[in-house]
Amino acid sequence: MTQSTPRLLPHLTLMALAAALSAPLPALAQKSLGGGSGSGPVMTREELRTCLKQQATLKTQVEQYEQEKAAIERDKADIQSTQKAIDAERGGVQADAAKINDVNARTEALSKRINDWNVRWQEFERDGRSGAMGDRMRKRLVDEKRAMEREEKALDDERAALGGVGGGASEINAKVDALNARTVAWNARQKAAVKRGEDLQQERDLWASECGNRRFREDDETAIRNGK
């Protein structure tokens, strides 16, 4: 009878996400030209032209910012969904890993019994006992051997059924590593977007103070929009 060697339990390097998902990006307040009650001098046509140009540029920048903000929120939701899927897979692998631990423990116990049986068999052979007592001892040892062989076969079958667990753990580890990297990249992207939003808000506040609260002539606005 051969002695089985227990298989090692696959090691799961299941890390937490590298960084927590940040708070949502701030919304930008709306700004419009001529919406204030400024009492300063009326803008010249060139000043108005500059303000209208800045307004158009800011409008484009705000639209781009809002699009990026929406994309970041979609990516955040997808990352969270992926995390849940990985957690579900991990639970299954960990359950199988517990089964492997149990098989390994029983295999180790059987190995000790096999070693003990080998020692007792060698002693029996060395003593050379015969007669009825010797026959009973031989039968008892043979019966014990056959029982252990059946147990060994059952353990081998259980182990074979769990043979893919190590590969499953490796696949999950790869998914976790990829999600960690994706989360780190998301946080960097989100942080940069927050900074762009803050800078854009400052630019709009400045525009509001320099243009939004200034009075202007409607004739000048019409002329500018007509290309004059």
Protein backbone atom coordinates (compact mmCIF):
# COMPACT_ATOMS: atom_id res chain seq x y z
CA MET A 1 0.00 0.00 0.00
CA THR A 2 1.39 3.38 -1.01
CA GLN A 3 1.26 6.42 1.21
CA SER A 4 -0.67 9.43 -0.17
CA THR A 5 0.91 12.87 -0.04
CA PRO A 6 -1.50 15.64 0.97
CA ARG A 7 -1.94 18.46 -1.50
CA LEU A 8 -1.34 21.97 -0.27
CA LEU A 9 -4.25 24.37 0.00
CA PRO A 10 -4.00 27.10 -2.68
CA HIS A 11 -3.03 30.44 -1.20
CA LEU A 12 -5.53 33.23 -1.93
CA THR A 13 -3.97 36.69 -2.18
CA LEU A 14 -7.31 38.46 -2.04
CA MET A 15 -6.47 42.07 -1.40
CA ALA A 16 -8.84 44.90 -0.57
CA LEU A 17 -9.21 47.67 -3.13
CA ALA A 18 -6.10 49.85 -3.17
CA ALA A 19 -8.06 53.05 -2.60
CA ALA A 20 -11.60 53.94 -1.59
CA LEU A 21 -13.79 55.36 -4.31
CA SER A 22 -13.90 59.13 -3.86
CA ALA A 23 -16.92 61.35 -3.44
CA PRO A 24 -18.95 62.50 -6.48
CA LEU A 25 -17.68 65.46 -8.48
CA PRO A 26 -19.25 68.84 -7.66
CA ALA A 27 -21.82 70.39 -9.97
CA LEU A 28 -21.07 73.82 -11.45
CA ALA A 29 -23.45 76.72 -10.89
CA GLN A 30 -24.94 78.33 -13.98
CA LYS A 31 -23.65 81.74 -15.08
CA SER A 32 -25.15 84.11 -17.66
CA LEU A 33 -24.08 87.35 -19.23
CA GLY A 34 -25.88 90.48 -18.07
CA GLY A 35 -27.59 88.68 -15.22
CA GLY A 36 -26.33 91.07 -12.54
CA SER A 37 -27.10 94.59 -11.47
CA GLY A 38 -23.72 96.17 -11.89
CA SER A 39 -23.62 99.95 -11.76
CA GLY A 40 -20.22 100.45 -13.40
CA PRO A 41 -19.62 101.87 -16.86
CA VAL A 42 -21.26 100.16 -19.81
CA MET A 43 -18.92 97.71 -21.60
CA THR A 44 -17.35 98.79 -24.85
CA ARG A 45 -17.97 96.61 -27.88
CA GLU A 46 -14.49 95.08 -27.59
CA GLU A 47 -15.00 94.33 -23.91
CA LEU A 48 -18.33 92.73 -24.77
CA ARG A 49 -16.71 90.77 -27.60
CA THR A 50 -14.09 89.44 -25.17
CA CYS A 51 -16.75 88.49 -22.61
CA LEU A 52 -18.88 86.69 -25.20
CA LYS A 53 -15.84 84.77 -26.44
CA GLN A 54 -14.95 83.79 -22.89
CA GLN A 55 -18.56 82.77 -22.27
CA ALA A 56 -18.53 80.45 -25.30
CA THR A 57 -15.22 78.92 -24.21
CA LEU A 58 -16.48 78.37 -20.68
CA LYS A 59 -19.67 76.81 -22.02
CA THR A 60 -17.65 74.28 -24.02
CA GLN A 61 -15.41 73.53 -21.04
CA VAL A 62 -18.41 73.01 -18.76
CA GLU A 63 -19.99 70.61 -21.25
CA GLN A 64 -16.74 68.63 -21.49
CA TYR A 65 -16.47 68.59 -17.70
CA GLU A 66 -20.03 67.31 -17.30
CA GLN A 67 -19.37 64.55 -19.86
CA GLU A 68 -16.20 63.50 -18.03
CA LYS A 69 -18.07 63.62 -14.72
CA ALA A 70 -20.79 61.31 -16.09
CA ALA A 71 -18.17 58.91 -17.50
CA ILE A 72 -16.37 58.78 -14.14
CA GLU A 73 -19.61 57.97 -12.33
CA ARG A 74 -20.37 55.19 -14.84
CA ASP A 75 -16.89 53.72 -14.31
CA LYS A 76 -17.37 53.91 -10.54
CA ALA A 77 -20.60 51.93 -10.79
CA ASP A 78 -18.92 49.35 -13.03
CA ILE A 79 -16.00 48.97 -10.61
CA GLN A 80 -18.41 48.41 -7.73
CA SER A 81 -20.36 45.85 -9.78
CA THR A 82 -17.13 44.03 -10.65
CA GLN A 83 -16.15 43.99 -6.98
CA LYS A 84 -19.45 42.31 -6.06
CA ALA A 85 -18.96 39.68 -8.76
CA ILE A 86 -15.42 38.93 -7.51
CA ASP A 87 -16.66 38.67 -3.93
CA ALA A 88 -19.23 36.08 -5.04
CA GLU A 89 -16.56 34.05 -6.86
CA ARG A 90 -14.22 34.31 -3.91
CA GLY A 91 -16.88 32.87 -1.60
CA GLY A 92 -17.18 29.78 -3.78
CA VAL A 93 -13.42 29.25 -3.96
CA GLN A 94 -13.03 29.69 -0.21
CA ALA A 95 -15.76 27.09 0.37
CA ASP A 96 -13.88 24.64 -1.86
CA ALA A 97 -10.64 25.54 -0.10
CA ALA A 98 -12.22 24.55 3.21
CA LYS A 99 -13.07 21.19 1.67
CA ILE A 100 -9.43 20.77 0.59
CA ASN A 101 -8.32 21.54 4.15
CA ASP A 102 -10.62 18.80 5.41
CA VAL A 103 -9.34 16.28 2.82
CA ASN A 104 -5.74 17.18 3.69
CA ALA A 105 -6.37 16.70 7.40
CA ARG A 106 -7.93 13.28 6.85
CA THR A 107 -5.14 12.32 4.44
CA GLU A 108 -2.52 13.26 7.01
CA ALA A 109 -4.31 11.19 9.68
CA LEU A 110 -4.48 8.25 7.27
CA SER A 111 -0.77 8.59 6.50
CA LYS A 112 0.05 8.24 10.20
CA ARG A 113 -2.12 5.13 10.43
CA ILE A 114 -0.38 3.67 7.36
CA ASN A 115 3.02 4.26 8.95
CA ASP A 116 1.84 2.61 12.14
CA TRP A 117 0.45 -0.36 10.15
CA ASN A 118 3.77 -0.77 8.29
CA VAL A 119 5.63 -0.97 11.60
CA ARG A 120 3.20 -3.54 13.00
CA TRP A 121 3.32 -5.63 9.78
CA GLN A 122 7.12 -5.71 9.85
CA GLU A 123 7.01 -6.83 13.49
CA PHE A 124 4.50 -9.57 12.60
CA GLU A 125 6.68 -10.81 9.73
CA ARG A 126 9.77 -10.71 11.90
CA ASP A 127 8.12 -12.66 14.72
CA GLY A 128 7.06 -15.39 12.28
CA ARG A 129 3.97 -16.33 14.27
CA SER A 130 2.01 -19.35 13.06
CA GLY A 131 -1.00 -21.34 14.12
CA ALA A 132 -4.48 -20.06 14.85
CA MET A 133 -3.25 -16.98 16.69
CA GLY A 134 -0.88 -16.07 13.84
CA ASP A 135 -3.67 -16.55 11.30
CA ARG A 136 -5.99 -14.27 13.29
CA MET A 137 -3.34 -11.55 13.54
CA ARG A 138 -2.58 -11.81 9.81
CA LYS A 139 -6.30 -11.56 8.93
CA ARG A 140 -6.74 -8.60 11.23
CA LEU A 141 -3.80 -6.78 9.64
CA VAL A 142 -4.92 -7.59 6.10
CA ASP A 143 -8.47 -6.44 6.84
CA GLU A 144 -7.11 -3.21 8.30
CA LYS A 145 -4.95 -2.70 5.20
CA ARG A 146 -7.91 -3.17 2.87
CA ALA A 147 -10.02 -0.71 4.88
CA MET A 148 -7.27 1.89 4.65
CA GLU A 149 -6.93 1.28 0.91
CA ARG A 150 -10.64 1.95 0.49
CA GLU A 151 -10.31 5.11 2.57
CA GLU A 152 -7.28 6.15 0.52
CA LYS A 153 -9.25 5.63 -2.70
CA ALA A 154 -12.16 7.72 -1.38
CA LEU A 155 -9.81 10.55 -0.43
CA ASP A 156 -8.16 10.44 -3.86
CA ASP A 157 -11.59 10.71 -5.48
CA GLU A 158 -12.53 13.70 -3.31
CA ARG A 159 -9.21 15.37 -4.09
CA ALA A 160 -9.65 14.77 -7.83
CA ALA A 161 -13.10 16.37 -7.71
CA LEU A 162 -11.53 19.48 -6.14
CA GLY A 163 -8.58 19.54 -8.51
CA GLY A 164 -9.57 22.83 -10.19
CA VAL A 165 -9.74 24.89 -7.00
CA GLY A 166 -6.14 26.09 -7.22
CA GLY A 167 -6.73 27.39 -10.73
CA GLY A 168 -9.89 29.16 -9.60
CA ALA A 169 -7.99 30.93 -6.84
CA SER A 170 -5.32 32.03 -9.32
CA GLU A 171 -7.99 33.42 -11.64
CA ILE A 172 -9.61 35.38 -8.83
CA ASN A 173 -6.24 36.73 -7.71
CA ALA A 174 -5.64 37.99 -11.26
CA LYS A 175 -9.07 39.65 -11.31
CA VAL A 176 -8.43 41.30 -7.93
CA ASP A 177 -5.06 42.63 -9.11
CA ALA A 178 -6.67 44.03 -12.26
CA LEU A 179 -9.47 45.65 -10.24
CA ASN A 180 -6.95 47.15 -7.81
CA ALA A 181 -5.04 48.72 -10.72
CA ARG A 182 -8.27 49.96 -12.28
CA THR A 183 -9.39 51.51 -8.98
CA VAL A 184 -6.08 53.31 -8.50
CA ALA A 185 -6.35 54.70 -12.04
CA TRP A 186 -9.97 55.72 -11.39
CA ASN A 187 -9.01 57.62 -8.25
CA ALA A 188 -6.25 59.48 -10.09
CA ARG A 189 -8.67 60.36 -12.88
CA GLN A 190 -11.34 61.46 -10.42
CA LYS A 191 -8.88 63.58 -8.45
CA ALA A 192 -7.75 65.34 -11.64
CA ALA A 193 -11.38 65.93 -12.61
CA VAL A 194 -12.15 67.46 -9.21
CA LYS A 195 -9.23 69.84 -9.68
CA ARG A 196 -10.46 70.77 -13.18
CA GLY A 197 -13.94 71.40 -11.75
CA GLU A 198 -12.56 73.66 -9.03
CA ASP A 199 -10.41 75.59 -11.50
CA LEU A 200 -13.33 75.92 -13.89
CA GLN A 201 -15.56 77.21 -11.11
CA GLN A 202 -12.97 79.86 -10.28
CA GLU A 203 -12.78 80.88 -13.93
CA ARG A 204 -16.56 81.17 -14.09
CA ASP A 205 -16.66 83.18 -10.88
CA LEU A 206 -14.03 85.51 -12.31
CA TRP A 207 -15.98 85.80 -15.56
CA ALA A 208 -19.15 86.56 -13.59
CA SER A 209 -17.43 89.40 -11.73
CA GLU A 210 -15.78 90.86 -14.84
CA CYS A 211 -18.56 90.21 -17.36
CA GLY A 212 -21.69 88.71 -15.88
CA ASN A 213 -22.57 91.76 -13.76
CA ARG A 214 -21.58 94.34 -16.37
CA ARG A 215 -24.08 96.25 -18.46
CA PHE A 216 -23.78 96.27 -22.26
CA ARG A 217 -25.55 97.69 -25.31
CA GLU A 218 -27.83 95.28 -27.10
CA ASP A 219 -26.85 96.89 -30.42
CA ASP A 220 -23.22 95.97 -29.74
CA GLU A 221 -24.21 92.37 -28.97
CA THR A 222 -26.22 92.15 -32.21
CA ALA A 223 -23.31 93.58 -34.20
CA ILE A 224 -20.82 91.15 -32.67
CA ARG A 225 -23.05 88.14 -33.36
CA ASN A 226 -23.35 89.38 -36.95
CA GLY A 227 -19.58 89.35 -37.26
CA LYS A 228 -18.92 93.06 -36.89
